């Protein structure tokens, strides 16, 4: 059964699936880092706004 030749479609699907599995963690990591940076920037801006309101 394993010695039977596979079709071209099988290899194409396998390569695409392996590519998706290999690149998904890096894309997820970039998304998490972008979210963390956005949250930090929001709170930094909020801190600046509160300081400005306290001074006036």
Protein backbone atom coordinates (compact mmCIF):
# COMPACT_ATOMS: atom_id res chain seq x y z
CA UNK A 1 0.00 0.00 0.00
CA UNK A 2 2.81 2.45 0.79
CA UNK A 3 4.69 1.52 -2.38
CA UNK A 4 1.77 2.61 -4.59
CA UNK A 5 2.64 5.84 -6.47
CA UNK A 6 0.76 8.94 -5.38
CA UNK A 7 -0.89 11.40 -7.69
CA UNK A 8 0.35 14.92 -8.33
CA UNK A 9 -2.68 16.33 -6.51
CA UNK A 10 -1.74 14.40 -3.36
CA UNK A 11 1.77 15.91 -3.33
CA UNK A 12 0.46 19.39 -4.07
CA UNK A 13 -2.04 19.22 -1.19
CA UNK A 14 0.61 17.78 1.12
CA UNK A 15 3.10 20.57 0.32
CA UNK A 16 0.47 23.27 0.82
CA UNK A 17 -0.65 21.74 4.11
CA UNK A 18 2.92 21.50 5.40
CA UNK A 19 3.57 25.12 4.37
CA UNK A 20 0.48 26.30 6.27
CA UNK A 21 1.51 24.34 9.36
CA UNK A 22 5.07 25.71 9.17
CA UNK A 23 4.12 29.37 8.75
CA UNK A 24 1.11 29.53 11.08
CA UNK A 25 3.12 29.85 14.33
CA UNK A 26 5.11 32.83 13.03
CA UNK A 27 1.97 34.59 11.81
CA UNK A 28 0.30 33.95 15.16
CA UNK A 29 3.34 35.30 16.99
CA UNK A 30 3.32 38.45 14.85
CA UNK A 31 -0.39 38.94 15.53
CA UNK A 32 0.09 38.52 19.29
CA UNK A 33 3.01 40.96 19.32
CA UNK A 34 1.06 43.50 17.30
CA UNK A 35 -1.85 43.19 19.71
CA UNK A 36 0.47 43.64 22.71
CA UNK A 37 2.06 46.72 21.13
CA UNK A 38 -1.36 48.18 20.37
CA UNK A 39 -2.56 47.65 23.94
CA UNK A 40 0.65 49.17 25.34
CA UNK A 41 0.36 52.16 23.01
CA UNK A 42 -3.28 52.67 24.04
CA UNK A 43 -2.43 52.73 27.75
CA UNK A 44 0.59 54.96 27.18
CA UNK A 45 -1.63 57.42 25.33
CA UNK A 46 -4.24 57.18 28.07
CA UNK A 47 -1.56 57.92 30.67
CA UNK A 48 -0.46 61.01 28.70
CA UNK A 49 -4.06 62.17 28.46
CA UNK A 50 -4.64 61.73 32.21
CA UNK A 51 -1.42 63.60 33.02
CA UNK A 52 -2.43 66.44 30.72
CA UNK A 53 -5.87 66.67 32.31
CA UNK A 54 -4.38 66.67 35.81
CA UNK A 55 -2.07 69.58 34.97
CA UNK A 56 -4.78 71.78 33.52
